[in-house]
């Protein structure tokens, strides 16, 4: 899970600044240029998470386009300008959300701004890759401090052959323990409504995620069940599925939507009844539900689960989470016409290979989105995708099934 930066701009703290000078003429400097000084490190990206405020010039960018949202990184050059890659833009780019002063792209930074002015190199080419540089102008100056400041620039024409440098970003590290298709480990008790499910069947056991709706009901996906399901082990109140949670129960009562279909995927929703009420606390509580029919297009949401970190990778024992945008429904239906999507589906992530996504083992888990009132609700149930991060991830819309949920809560 998470947004990959494999092909996106990642600042390298080690270039030629002739084009930067040209851009500064287009976007005259009006603010401070206090620069960060970065000491050589023992590890590069792929080694370990950066310390808080270790790279105060890096920013996280979400590009809002007609095709949905996707992420890149960028570097503050002064308190008005961000350097990034030309290939992060496309002709449909409408605006850019700039998250400044945080190491965690799932959290709001010290400053969040929406930029609508930028300059892409006029001679940018993707094949072959040439002049892959662009600059963004912030709508107002960002205040500098310990965790937010500008990067220093090299001398014109300066070379860095054989120098040991540092790349930083929120992209894929290749380590299953660091991400689920681009994500990162969740903090302990960060998602107190998520539960881990092991389905005991005639064919063996397999895992899904689920969401507590109250202290006796769990929402999950219909496709997690098969006719041979005998019981379900429900592990509650832990981020590590290798460990016993605060509460472990064996459920034998459930309800799968009567019109569930896998081809095409329809009505992929089910509910489990726990044998006894689970006590609520800081690490165990119910998720809030969206309003009936509520839409989440273009909202920035969070998927969480213990699924695979890639199509050929093992499942994660740690709970992982990733922020991803909701793609406009009309765009997703057109792009993924083979999936026969309807209003009962939510499309999350992007259409870039290896981008933010869910994978096997995440099924049935929650997709949290900000509601109209601003609080986080369980907007979706992880349903399906194609080979993990090859296309957007598809979630069952909880708001679409509010009537079914209400009826089943009363009857199960």
Protein backbone atom coordinates (compact mmCIF):
# COMPACT_ATOMS: atom_id res chain seq x y z
CA UNK A 1 0.00 0.00 0.00
CA UNK A 2 1.04 3.72 -0.35
CA UNK A 3 2.13 5.98 -3.11
CA UNK A 4 5.27 5.01 -4.95
CA UNK A 5 7.97 7.39 -6.06
CA UNK A 6 9.95 4.90 -8.17
CA UNK A 7 9.42 6.96 -11.29
CA UNK A 8 8.72 10.25 -9.60
CA UNK A 9 11.01 12.99 -8.43
CA UNK A 10 12.99 12.18 -5.31
CA UNK A 11 15.41 14.83 -4.15
CA UNK A 12 19.03 13.79 -4.28
CA UNK A 13 21.14 15.77 -1.87
CA UNK A 14 24.33 15.87 -3.69
CA UNK A 15 23.48 19.18 -11.08
CA UNK A 16 23.43 22.06 -13.29
CA UNK A 17 21.50 25.10 -12.07
CA UNK A 18 21.29 27.07 -15.31
CA UNK A 19 17.66 26.12 -15.77
CA UNK A 20 16.90 26.93 -12.14
CA UNK A 21 18.18 30.43 -12.70
CA UNK A 22 15.86 30.70 -15.71
CA UNK A 23 12.90 29.54 -13.62
CA UNK A 24 13.73 32.00 -10.85
CA UNK A 25 13.49 34.76 -13.45
CA UNK A 26 10.01 33.49 -14.34
CA UNK A 27 9.05 33.19 -10.66
CA UNK A 28 11.03 36.00 -8.97
CA UNK A 29 12.27 35.17 -5.50
CA UNK A 30 10.39 37.15 -2.89
CA UNK A 31 11.16 35.22 0.26
CA UNK A 32 13.84 33.68 2.40
CA UNK A 33 16.56 31.34 1.21
CA UNK A 34 17.77 29.93 4.52
CA UNK A 35 19.29 26.60 3.53
CA UNK A 36 19.42 23.26 5.26
CA UNK A 37 22.76 21.60 5.92
CA UNK A 38 22.62 17.80 5.63
CA UNK A 39 25.33 15.59 7.01
CA UNK A 40 26.43 12.41 5.18
CA UNK A 41 24.49 9.34 6.34
CA UNK A 42 25.27 5.66 6.59
CA UNK A 43 22.19 4.63 4.65
CA UNK A 44 20.22 5.72 1.61
CA UNK A 45 16.56 5.16 0.78
CA UNK A 46 15.84 1.50 1.36
CA UNK A 47 17.80 1.41 4.59
CA UNK A 48 15.58 2.91 7.27
CA UNK A 49 12.98 5.62 7.90
CA UNK A 50 14.36 9.15 8.16
CA UNK A 51 14.37 10.86 11.53
CA UNK A 52 11.77 13.53 12.14
CA UNK A 53 12.86 16.85 10.56
CA UNK A 54 16.01 15.19 9.13
CA UNK A 55 15.25 16.54 5.63
CA UNK A 56 13.44 19.83 6.22
CA UNK A 57 13.48 20.84 2.54
CA UNK A 58 11.50 17.83 1.25
CA UNK A 59 7.77 18.17 0.54
CA UNK A 60 5.07 15.71 -0.50
CA UNK A 61 2.97 16.56 -3.55
CA UNK A 62 -0.44 15.24 -4.66
CA UNK A 63 -1.32 16.15 -8.25
CA UNK A 64 -5.05 16.59 -8.95
CA UNK A 65 -5.71 15.61 -12.57
CA UNK A 66 -8.63 14.56 -14.75
CA UNK A 67 -7.38 10.98 -14.34
CA UNK A 68 -7.36 11.16 -10.53
CA UNK A 69 -4.68 12.01 -8.01
CA UNK A 70 -1.10 10.80 -7.79
CA UNK A 71 1.99 11.63 -5.78
CA UNK A 72 5.50 12.96 -6.26
CA UNK A 73 8.14 14.49 -4.04
CA UNK A 74 9.64 17.95 -4.22
CA UNK A 75 12.29 20.22 -2.67
CA UNK A 76 11.90 23.71 -1.24
CA UNK A 77 14.28 26.14 -2.93
CA UNK A 78 13.07 29.12 -0.93
CA UNK A 79 9.88 29.84 0.97
CA UNK A 80 7.90 30.26 -2.26
CA UNK A 81 9.28 27.68 -4.72
CA UNK A 82 9.35 23.88 -4.96
CA UNK A 83 11.59 21.94 -7.36
CA UNK A 84 10.21 18.71 -8.80
CA UNK A 85 10.18 16.56 -11.96
CA UNK A 86 8.49 17.48 -15.24
CA UNK A 87 7.11 13.95 -15.65
CA UNK A 88 4.95 14.45 -12.55
CA UNK A 89 2.74 16.76 -14.61
CA UNK A 90 0.30 16.00 -17.40
CA UNK A 91 -1.86 18.31 -19.53
CA UNK A 92 -4.81 17.64 -17.22
CA UNK A 93 -3.08 18.80 -14.02
CA UNK A 94 -5.51 21.11 -12.23
CA UNK A 95 -3.82 21.82 -8.92
CA UNK A 96 -1.18 20.44 -6.55
CA UNK A 97 -1.58 19.80 -2.83
CA UNK A 98 1.75 20.55 -1.12
CA UNK A 99 2.28 18.91 2.29
CA UNK A 100 5.19 20.58 4.08
CA UNK A 101 7.02 19.71 7.27
CA UNK A 102 6.14 16.08 7.92
CA UNK A 103 7.80 12.69 7.46
CA UNK A 104 4.45 10.90 7.26
CA UNK A 105 2.43 11.53 4.12
CA UNK A 106 -0.64 10.07 5.86
CA UNK A 107 -0.62 13.06 8.21
CA UNK A 108 -1.13 16.76 7.69
CA UNK A 109 2.19 18.60 7.81
CA UNK A 110 2.99 21.89 9.50
CA UNK A 111 1.75 23.64 6.35
CA UNK A 112 -0.53 22.40 3.59
CA UNK A 113 -1.08 24.57 0.51
CA UNK A 114 -2.77 24.19 -2.85
CA UNK A 115 -0.62 25.43 -5.73
CA UNK A 116 -2.01 26.43 -9.12
CA UNK A 117 1.11 28.00 -10.67
CA UNK A 118 4.00 26.00 -12.09
CA UNK A 119 6.50 25.89 -14.92
CA UNK A 120 7.51 22.71 -16.73
CA UNK A 121 10.68 22.79 -18.85
CA UNK A 122 9.59 23.71 -22.39
CA UNK A 123 11.86 21.02 -23.88
CA UNK A 124 10.86 18.19 -21.56
CA UNK A 125 10.82 14.80 -23.30
CA UNK A 126 9.95 11.39 -21.84
CA UNK A 127 11.43 9.23 -24.64
CA UNK A 128 14.31 9.73 -24.27
CA UNK A 129 14.07 11.34 -20.83
CA UNK A 130 15.37 14.88 -21.22
CA UNK A 131 14.94 18.13 -19.26
CA UNK A 132 12.92 16.39 -16.54
CA UNK A 133 12.58 19.43 -14.31
CA UNK A 134 9.78 21.71 -13.18
CA UNK A 135 9.07 24.34 -10.54
CA UNK A 136 5.97 25.05 -8.48
CA UNK A 137 5.11 28.42 -6.94
CA UNK A 138 3.35 28.32 -3.57
CA UNK A 139 0.38 30.68 -3.09
CA UNK A 140 2.04 32.28 -0.06
CA UNK A 141 5.46 32.08 1.64
CA UNK A 142 5.99 29.16 3.98
CA UNK A 143 7.52 30.08 7.37
CA UNK A 144 10.91 28.49 7.98
CA UNK A 145 11.94 26.64 11.13
CA UNK A 146 13.74 23.50 12.28
CA UNK A 147 11.50 21.22 10.22
CA UNK A 148 10.90 23.48 7.22
CA UNK A 149 13.69 25.19 5.29
CA UNK A 150 15.24 25.48 1.83
CA UNK A 151 17.82 23.20 0.25
CA UNK A 152 21.19 24.57 -0.79
CA UNK A 153 22.03 24.54 -4.52
CA UNK A 154 25.27 23.35 -6.15
CA UNK A 155 27.55 25.62 -8.14
CA UNK A 156 26.76 25.91 -11.89
CA UNK A 157 28.20 22.89 -13.71
CA UNK A 158 29.37 21.20 -10.51
CA UNK A 159 29.87 17.42 -10.89
CA UNK A 160 29.34 14.66 -8.34
CA UNK A 161 30.95 11.58 -9.90
CA UNK A 162 31.89 8.99 -7.23
CA UNK A 163 30.34 11.11 -4.47
CA UNK A 164 28.26 9.32 -1.85
CA UNK A 165 24.83 10.94 -1.92
CA UNK A 166 21.40 10.54 -0.33
CA UNK A 167 18.02 10.05 -2.01
CA UNK A 168 14.90 10.64 0.05
CA UNK A 169 11.24 10.01 -0.63
CA UNK A 170 8.07 8.16 0.27
CA UNK A 171 8.43 5.60 -2.50
CA UNK A 172 8.96 1.87 -2.57
CA UNK A 173 12.00 0.54 -0.72
CA UNK A 174 11.62 -3.06 -1.83
CA UNK A 175 11.29 -4.28 1.75
CA UNK A 176 8.07 -6.12 2.60
CA UNK A 177 8.36 -4.93 6.18
CA UNK A 178 8.41 -1.30 5.10
CA UNK A 179 5.28 -1.24 2.94
CA UNK A 180 2.18 -2.85 1.52
CA UNK A 181 2.41 -1.78 -2.12
CA UNK A 182 3.81 1.59 -1.17
CA UNK A 183 2.56 1.93 2.41
CA UNK A 184 4.14 2.04 5.85
CA UNK A 185 3.55 0.40 9.24
CA UNK A 186 0.64 1.85 11.19
CA UNK A 187 1.19 3.16 14.71
CA UNK A 188 -0.08 1.04 17.58
CA UNK A 189 -3.83 1.59 18.14
CA UNK A 190 -3.97 4.00 15.17
CA UNK A 191 -6.91 2.10 13.64
CA UNK A 192 -8.86 0.70 16.61
CA UNK A 193 -11.77 -0.53 14.47
CA UNK A 194 -9.74 -2.88 12.25
CA UNK A 195 -9.66 -6.62 13.01
CA UNK A 196 -7.75 -9.56 11.53
CA UNK A 197 -9.77 -12.56 10.37
CA UNK A 198 -8.68 -16.16 9.75
CA UNK A 199 -11.25 -18.24 7.87
CA UNK A 200 -11.26 -21.94 8.71
CA UNK A 201 -12.40 -23.87 5.65
CA UNK A 202 -12.22 -27.38 4.25
CA UNK A 203 -9.38 -26.13 2.03
CA UNK A 204 -7.38 -24.69 4.94
CA UNK A 205 -7.15 -21.27 6.55
CA UNK A 206 -6.80 -17.90 4.87
CA UNK A 207 -6.89 -14.28 5.99
CA UNK A 208 -8.96 -11.16 5.43
CA UNK A 209 -9.47 -7.89 7.24
CA UNK A 210 -12.63 -6.53 8.81
CA UNK A 211 -14.05 -3.49 10.57
CA UNK A 212 -15.91 -3.30 13.87
CA UNK A 213 -19.32 -1.65 13.42
CA UNK A 214 -20.32 -2.04 17.06
CA UNK A 215 -19.17 -4.30 19.88
CA UNK A 216 -20.67 -7.42 18.30
CA UNK A 217 -20.56 -6.99 14.50
CA UNK A 218 -17.71 -6.97 11.96
CA UNK A 219 -18.02 -5.73 8.38
CA UNK A 220 -15.99 -7.55 5.72
CA UNK A 221 -16.09 -8.72 2.08
CA UNK A 222 -18.35 -11.47 0.75
CA UNK A 223 -15.54 -12.93 -1.34
CA UNK A 224 -13.67 -13.87 1.86
CA UNK A 225 -16.23 -16.65 2.40
CA UNK A 226 -16.73 -19.90 0.55
CA UNK A 227 -19.30 -22.68 1.00
CA UNK A 228 -16.83 -24.62 3.15
CA UNK A 229 -16.26 -21.87 5.73
CA UNK A 230 -16.63 -23.49 9.16
CA UNK A 231 -15.62 -20.74 11.56
CA UNK A 232 -13.72 -17.45 11.71
CA UNK A 233 -11.00 -16.53 14.21
CA UNK A 234 -11.28 -12.80 14.98
CA UNK A 235 -8.13 -11.14 16.36
CA UNK A 236 -9.01 -7.76 17.87
CA UNK A 237 -6.85 -4.92 19.18
CA UNK A 238 -3.40 -5.65 17.74
CA UNK A 239 -1.28 -4.40 14.84
CA UNK A 240 0.70 -7.63 14.65
CA UNK A 241 -1.21 -10.64 13.35
CA UNK A 242 1.53 -12.94 14.68
CA UNK A 243 0.48 -11.98 18.19
CA UNK A 244 -2.69 -12.53 20.15
CA UNK A 245 -4.70 -9.32 20.33
CA UNK A 246 -6.51 -7.90 23.32
CA UNK A 247 -9.45 -10.12 22.40
CA UNK A 248 -9.59 -13.27 20.26
CA UNK A 249 -12.96 -14.81 19.45
CA UNK A 250 -14.24 -17.59 17.22
CA UNK A 251 -17.29 -16.57 15.21
CA UNK A 252 -19.75 -19.06 13.71
CA UNK A 253 -22.52 -16.67 12.64
CA UNK A 254 -22.35 -14.47 9.56
CA UNK A 255 -24.41 -13.09 6.72
CA UNK A 256 -23.15 -12.85 3.13
CA UNK A 257 -25.13 -10.61 0.76
CA UNK A 258 -27.69 -12.85 -0.94
CA UNK A 259 -26.91 -11.37 -4.37
CA UNK A 260 -23.14 -11.56 -4.12
CA UNK A 261 -21.47 -12.31 -7.46
CA UNK A 262 -17.78 -12.63 -8.26
CA UNK A 263 -18.06 -12.31 -12.07
CA UNK A 264 -18.75 -9.47 -12.36
CA UNK A 265 -17.98 -8.43 -8.78
CA UNK A 266 -21.25 -7.27 -7.24
CA UNK A 267 -22.57 -6.93 -3.67
CA UNK A 268 -19.18 -7.83 -2.17
CA UNK A 269 -20.23 -7.29 1.42
CA UNK A 270 -20.76 -9.51 4.46
CA UNK A 271 -21.18 -9.21 8.21
CA UNK A 272 -19.92 -11.39 11.07
CA UNK A 273 -21.53 -11.63 14.51
CA UNK A 274 -19.16 -12.07 17.44
CA UNK A 275 -20.14 -14.66 20.08
CA UNK A 276 -20.08 -11.99 22.79
CA UNK A 277 -19.65 -8.20 22.96
CA UNK A 278 -16.08 -6.93 22.80
CA UNK A 279 -15.15 -4.27 25.41
CA UNK A 280 -14.22 -0.92 23.89
CA UNK A 281 -11.13 1.12 24.82
CA UNK A 282 -8.32 3.16 23.26
CA UNK A 283 -7.27 0.30 20.97
CA UNK A 284 -10.67 -1.25 20.29
CA UNK A 285 -13.68 0.74 19.11
CA UNK A 286 -16.24 0.91 16.31
CA UNK A 287 -15.80 2.74 13.02
CA UNK A 288 -18.13 5.58 12.07
CA UNK A 289 -20.34 5.03 9.02
CA UNK A 290 -20.87 7.45 6.13
CA UNK A 291 -24.26 8.92 5.31
CA UNK A 292 -26.39 6.89 2.86
CA UNK A 293 -25.30 7.70 -0.69
CA UNK A 294 -22.35 9.85 0.42
CA UNK A 295 -19.65 10.25 -2.26
CA UNK A 296 -15.91 10.53 -1.77
CA UNK A 297 -14.58 11.47 -5.23
CA UNK A 298 -11.20 13.23 -5.00
CA UNK A 299 -11.00 12.75 -1.25
CA UNK A 300 -7.69 11.59 0.20
CA UNK A 301 -8.39 8.34 2.01
CA UNK A 302 -6.53 5.56 3.83
CA UNK A 303 -6.49 1.82 3.22
CA UNK A 304 -5.21 -0.47 5.96
CA UNK A 305 -4.47 -4.19 6.13
CA UNK A 306 -2.04 -7.06 6.57
CA UNK A 307 -1.97 -8.08 2.90
CA UNK A 308 0.86 -8.72 0.49
CA UNK A 309 3.35 -5.94 -0.12
CA UNK A 310 3.45 -6.81 -3.82
CA UNK A 311 2.04 -9.42 -6.16
CA UNK A 312 4.97 -11.81 -5.57
CA UNK A 313 5.71 -10.69 -1.99
CA UNK A 314 4.60 -12.35 1.25
CA UNK A 315 1.83 -10.96 3.41
CA UNK A 316 2.83 -8.53 6.14
CA UNK A 317 2.62 -9.51 9.80
CA UNK A 318 2.42 -5.81 10.68
CA UNK A 319 -0.61 -3.67 10.01
CA UNK A 320 0.20 -1.40 7.07
CA UNK A 321 -1.57 1.70 5.86
CA UNK A 322 -1.41 3.96 2.85
CA UNK A 323 -2.99 7.21 1.78
CA UNK A 324 -4.56 7.19 -1.65
CA UNK A 325 -6.94 9.48 -3.54
CA UNK A 326 -10.42 8.45 -4.62
CA UNK A 327 -10.59 8.56 -8.42
CA UNK A 328 -13.61 10.24 -10.00
CA UNK A 329 -16.14 7.48 -10.62
CA UNK A 330 -16.69 8.40 -14.27
CA UNK A 331 -12.95 8.37 -14.95
CA UNK A 332 -12.48 5.00 -13.23
CA UNK A 333 -15.41 3.38 -15.06
CA UNK A 334 -13.96 4.45 -18.38
CA UNK A 335 -10.38 3.47 -17.56
CA UNK A 336 -11.38 0.12 -16.01
CA UNK A 337 -14.23 -0.74 -18.39
CA UNK A 338 -13.29 -4.43 -18.12
CA UNK A 339 -14.30 -4.39 -14.43
CA UNK A 340 -17.94 -3.39 -15.07
CA UNK A 341 -17.95 -0.89 -12.21
CA UNK A 342 -21.19 0.52 -10.80
CA UNK A 343 -22.21 2.99 -8.10
CA UNK A 344 -21.62 0.28 -5.50
CA UNK A 345 -17.87 0.57 -6.13
CA UNK A 346 -15.25 3.12 -5.05
CA UNK A 347 -12.04 3.46 -7.04
CA UNK A 348 -8.90 4.32 -5.05
CA UNK A 349 -5.24 4.89 -5.87
CA UNK A 350 -3.94 5.69 -9.32
CA UNK A 351 -3.30 4.11 -12.70
CA UNK A 352 0.48 4.14 -12.48
CA UNK A 353 2.13 0.71 -12.34
CA UNK A 354 3.33 0.08 -8.80
CA UNK A 355 1.40 2.96 -7.28
CA UNK A 356 -0.69 3.06 -4.12
CA UNK A 357 -2.84 -0.03 -3.87
CA UNK A 358 -4.16 -2.96 -1.89
CA UNK A 359 -3.19 -6.59 -2.43
CA UNK A 360 -4.08 -10.17 -1.50
CA UNK A 361 -4.78 -10.43 2.22
CA UNK A 362 -6.11 -6.87 2.45
CA UNK A 363 -9.55 -8.10 1.31
CA UNK A 364 -12.43 -7.12 3.55
CA UNK A 365 -10.40 -4.45 5.34
CA UNK A 366 -11.42 -0.82 5.79
CA UNK A 367 -10.99 2.14 3.46
CA UNK A 368 -11.24 5.23 5.67
CA UNK A 369 -12.24 8.60 4.18
CA UNK A 370 -13.07 12.05 5.58
CA UNK A 371 -16.83 12.57 5.65
CA UNK A 372 -18.84 15.72 4.97
CA UNK A 373 -18.47 16.62 8.62
CA UNK A 374 -14.71 16.04 8.56
CA UNK A 375 -14.53 12.92 10.73
CA UNK A 376 -13.07 9.71 9.33
CA UNK A 377 -15.60 7.05 8.33
CA UNK A 378 -15.29 3.57 6.86
CA UNK A 379 -16.20 4.52 3.30
CA UNK A 380 -15.21 1.25 1.65
CA UNK A 381 -14.44 -2.45 2.00
CA UNK A 382 -11.37 -3.71 0.13
CA UNK A 383 -12.81 -5.75 -2.73
CA UNK A 384 -10.52 -6.37 -5.70
CA UNK A 385 -7.74 -5.18 -7.97
CA UNK A 386 -5.51 -6.55 -10.71
CA UNK A 387 -2.12 -8.03 -9.80
CA UNK A 388 -1.61 -5.48 -6.99
CA UNK A 389 -0.93 -1.88 -8.07
CA UNK A 390 -1.23 -2.48 -11.81
CA UNK A 391 -4.48 -0.50 -11.78
CA UNK A 392 -6.50 1.29 -9.16
CA UNK A 393 -7.91 -0.67 -6.21
CA UNK A 394 -11.66 -1.24 -5.99
CA UNK A 395 -13.64 -0.97 -2.77
CA UNK A 396 -17.25 -1.82 -1.99
CA UNK A 397 -19.08 1.43 -1.19
CA UNK A 398 -20.37 1.36 2.39
CA UNK A 399 -22.69 4.33 1.81
CA UNK A 400 -24.34 2.43 -1.07
CA UNK A 401 -25.12 -0.48 1.25
CA UNK A 402 -26.26 1.48 4.32
CA UNK A 403 -29.76 -0.03 4.15
CA UNK A 404 -28.36 -3.57 3.92
CA UNK A 405 -26.02 -2.86 6.84
CA UNK A 406 -28.82 -1.47 9.02
CA UNK A 407 -31.11 -4.41 8.26
CA UNK A 408 -28.36 -6.98 8.88
CA UNK A 409 -27.28 -5.36 12.16
CA UNK A 410 -30.84 -5.84 13.44
CA UNK A 411 -31.31 -9.39 12.16
CA UNK A 412 -27.89 -11.05 12.70
